Amino acid sequence: MNFEKFQEAVDILEIASKITQSELKKKYQKLSKIYHPDMPDGDAVKFKEINEAYKLVSIYIQNFRFKLDEEEFYEQNPLSRKSKDWFYSF
């Protein structure tokens, strides 16, 4: 996989930026229902494209490695930083 193929898959699935595995699956299911060949407005080529894009992005998400440090923790859990947030100072 190279970045160009990955970016193409992201564009096909209409993903903005950050996404979880469950959000990706919902997005895939929504697009699959629209473009499935058995649907009135279905398109077999687009459906195949969506399936391939989903597989590629799903593999990427499953194999993504997180850094196990404080910065990564707060990036993934922004509301955990209680002591420095303005709304916890009241």
C-alpha atoms as a PDB file:
ATOM      1  CA  MET A   1       0.000   0.000   0.000  1.00  0.00           C
ATOM      2  CA  ASN A   2       1.270   3.471  -0.809  1.00  0.00           C
ATOM      3  CA  PHE A   3      -0.115   6.803   0.356  1.00  0.00           C
ATOM      4  CA  GLU A   4      -1.748   7.631  -2.989  1.00  0.00           C
ATOM      5  CA  LYS A   5      -3.814   4.413  -2.915  1.00  0.00           C
ATOM      6  CA  PHE A   6      -4.641   5.033   0.728  1.00  0.00           C
ATOM      7  CA  GLN A   7      -5.745   8.631   0.022  1.00  0.00           C
ATOM      8  CA  GLU A   8      -7.869   7.440  -2.897  1.00  0.00           C
ATOM      9  CA  ALA A   9      -9.586   4.921  -0.600  1.00  0.00           C
ATOM     10  CA  VAL A  10     -10.227   7.647   1.983  1.00  0.00           C
ATOM     11  CA  ASP A  11     -11.756   9.861  -0.714  1.00  0.00           C
ATOM     12  CA  ILE A  12     -13.961   7.025  -2.024  1.00  0.00           C
ATOM     13  CA  LEU A  13     -15.324   6.423   1.474  1.00  0.00           C
ATOM     14  CA  GLU A  14     -15.812  10.181   1.987  1.00  0.00           C
ATOM     15  CA  ILE A  15     -13.855  10.226   5.250  1.00  0.00           C
ATOM     16  CA  ALA A  16     -12.926  13.663   6.597  1.00  0.00           C
ATOM     17  CA  SER A  17     -10.076  12.941   9.006  1.00  0.00           C
ATOM     18  CA  LYS A  18     -10.144  10.911  12.219  1.00  0.00           C
ATOM     19  CA  ILE A  19     -12.419   7.891  12.281  1.00  0.00           C
ATOM     20  CA  THR A  20     -12.854   4.817  14.449  1.00  0.00           C
ATOM     21  CA  GLN A  21     -13.301   1.270  13.194  1.00  0.00           C
ATOM     22  CA  SER A  22     -17.001   1.337  14.121  1.00  0.00           C
ATOM     23  CA  GLU A  23     -17.533   4.692  12.348  1.00  0.00           C
ATOM     24  CA  LEU A  24     -15.774   3.327   9.272  1.00  0.00           C
ATOM     25  CA  LYS A  25     -18.042   0.283   9.279  1.00  0.00           C
ATOM     26  CA  LYS A  26     -21.177   2.466   9.505  1.00  0.00           C
ATOM     27  CA  LYS A  27     -19.940   4.651   6.647  1.00  0.00           C
ATOM     28  CA  TYR A  28     -19.202   1.553   4.560  1.00  0.00           C
ATOM     29  CA  GLN A  29     -22.641   0.068   5.247  1.00  0.00           C
ATOM     30  CA  LYS A  30     -24.349   3.330   4.306  1.00  0.00           C
ATOM     31  CA  LEU A  31     -22.473   3.599   0.994  1.00  0.00           C
ATOM     32  CA  SER A  32     -22.945  -0.116   0.281  1.00  0.00           C
ATOM     33  CA  LYS A  33     -26.705   0.212   0.596  1.00  0.00           C
ATOM     34  CA  ILE A  34     -26.709   3.093  -1.864  1.00  0.00           C
ATOM     35  CA  TYR A  35     -24.455   1.549  -4.517  1.00  0.00           C
ATOM     36  CA  HIS A  36     -25.264  -2.173  -4.190  1.00  0.00           C
ATOM     37  CA  PRO A  37     -26.024  -3.578  -7.665  1.00  0.00           C
ATOM     38  CA  ASP A  38     -29.433  -4.860  -6.485  1.00  0.00           C
ATOM     39  CA  MET A  39     -30.569  -1.359  -5.490  1.00  0.00           C
ATOM     40  CA  PRO A  40     -32.473   0.857  -7.970  1.00  0.00           C
ATOM     41  CA  ASP A  41     -29.585   3.347  -8.236  1.00  0.00           C
ATOM     42  CA  GLY A  42     -26.931   0.669  -7.785  1.00  0.00           C
ATOM     43  CA  ASP A  43     -23.605   0.681  -9.559  1.00  0.00           C
ATOM     44  CA  ALA A  44     -21.512  -2.505  -9.621  1.00  0.00           C
ATOM     45  CA  VAL A  45     -18.272  -0.661 -10.394  1.00  0.00           C
ATOM     46  CA  LYS A  46     -18.752   1.880  -7.605  1.00  0.00           C
ATOM     47  CA  PHE A  47     -19.784  -0.914  -5.200  1.00  0.00           C
ATOM     48  CA  LYS A  48     -16.590  -2.833  -5.959  1.00  0.00           C
ATOM     49  CA  GLU A  49     -14.575   0.360  -5.491  1.00  0.00           C
ATOM     50  CA  ILE A  50     -16.204   0.948  -2.088  1.00  0.00           C
ATOM     51  CA  ASN A  51     -15.493  -2.648  -0.989  1.00  0.00           C
ATOM     52  CA  GLU A  52     -11.826  -2.395  -1.929  1.00  0.00           C
ATOM     53  CA  ALA A  53     -11.477   0.993  -0.243  1.00  0.00           C
ATOM     54  CA  TYR A  54     -13.114  -0.318   2.931  1.00  0.00           C
ATOM     55  CA  LYS A  55     -10.740  -3.283   3.073  1.00  0.00           C
ATOM     56  CA  LEU A  56      -7.692  -1.071   2.605  1.00  0.00           C
ATOM     57  CA  VAL A  57      -8.665   1.530   5.233  1.00  0.00           C
ATOM     58  CA  SER A  58      -9.862  -1.166   7.643  1.00  0.00           C
ATOM     59  CA  ILE A  59      -6.504  -2.955   7.458  1.00  0.00           C
ATOM     60  CA  TYR A  60      -4.755   0.357   8.099  1.00  0.00           C
ATOM     61  CA  ILE A  61      -6.890   1.095  11.165  1.00  0.00           C
ATOM     62  CA  GLN A  62      -6.467  -2.420  12.573  1.00  0.00           C
ATOM     63  CA  ASN A  63      -2.700  -2.274  12.184  1.00  0.00           C
ATOM     64  CA  PHE A  64      -2.222   1.290  13.418  1.00  0.00           C
ATOM     65  CA  ARG A  65       0.098   1.495  16.389  1.00  0.00           C
ATOM     66  CA  PHE A  66      -0.333   4.032  19.138  1.00  0.00           C
ATOM     67  CA  LYS A  67       2.491   5.552  21.061  1.00  0.00           C
ATOM     68  CA  LEU A  68       1.976   4.715  24.711  1.00  0.00           C
ATOM     69  CA  ASP A  69       2.978   8.079  26.060  1.00  0.00           C
ATOM     70  CA  GLU A  70       1.219  10.980  27.743  1.00  0.00           C
ATOM     71  CA  GLU A  71       0.888  13.093  24.592  1.00  0.00           C
ATOM     72  CA  GLU A  72      -0.827  10.301  22.661  1.00  0.00           C
ATOM     73  CA  PHE A  73      -3.079   9.504  25.627  1.00  0.00           C
ATOM     74  CA  TYR A  74      -4.380  13.070  25.819  1.00  0.00           C
ATOM     75  CA  GLU A  75      -4.763  13.288  22.063  1.00  0.00           C
ATOM     76  CA  GLN A  76      -6.992  10.209  22.126  1.00  0.00           C
ATOM     77  CA  ASN A  77      -8.761  11.241  25.371  1.00  0.00           C
ATOM     78  CA  PRO A  78      -8.916  15.049  25.351  1.00  0.00           C
ATOM     79  CA  LEU A  79     -11.325  15.316  28.300  1.00  0.00           C
ATOM     80  CA  SER A  80      -8.915  13.451  30.578  1.00  0.00           C
ATOM     81  CA  ARG A  81      -6.676  16.484  30.976  1.00  0.00           C
ATOM     82  CA  LYS A  82      -8.608  17.876  33.932  1.00  0.00           C
ATOM     83  CA  SER A  83      -5.943  19.928  35.656  1.00  0.00           C
ATOM     84  CA  LYS A  84      -5.097  22.167  32.675  1.00  0.00           C
ATOM     85  CA  ASP A  85      -8.518  22.689  31.118  1.00  0.00           C
ATOM     86  CA  TRP A  86     -10.224  26.023  31.758  1.00  0.00           C
ATOM     87  CA  PHE A  87     -13.625  24.464  32.498  1.00  0.00           C
ATOM     88  CA  TYR A  88     -12.218  22.439  35.415  1.00  0.00           C
ATOM     89  CA  SER A  89     -10.825  25.503  37.171  1.00  0.00           C
ATOM     90  CA  PHE A  90     -14.185  26.706  38.524  1.00  0.00           C
END
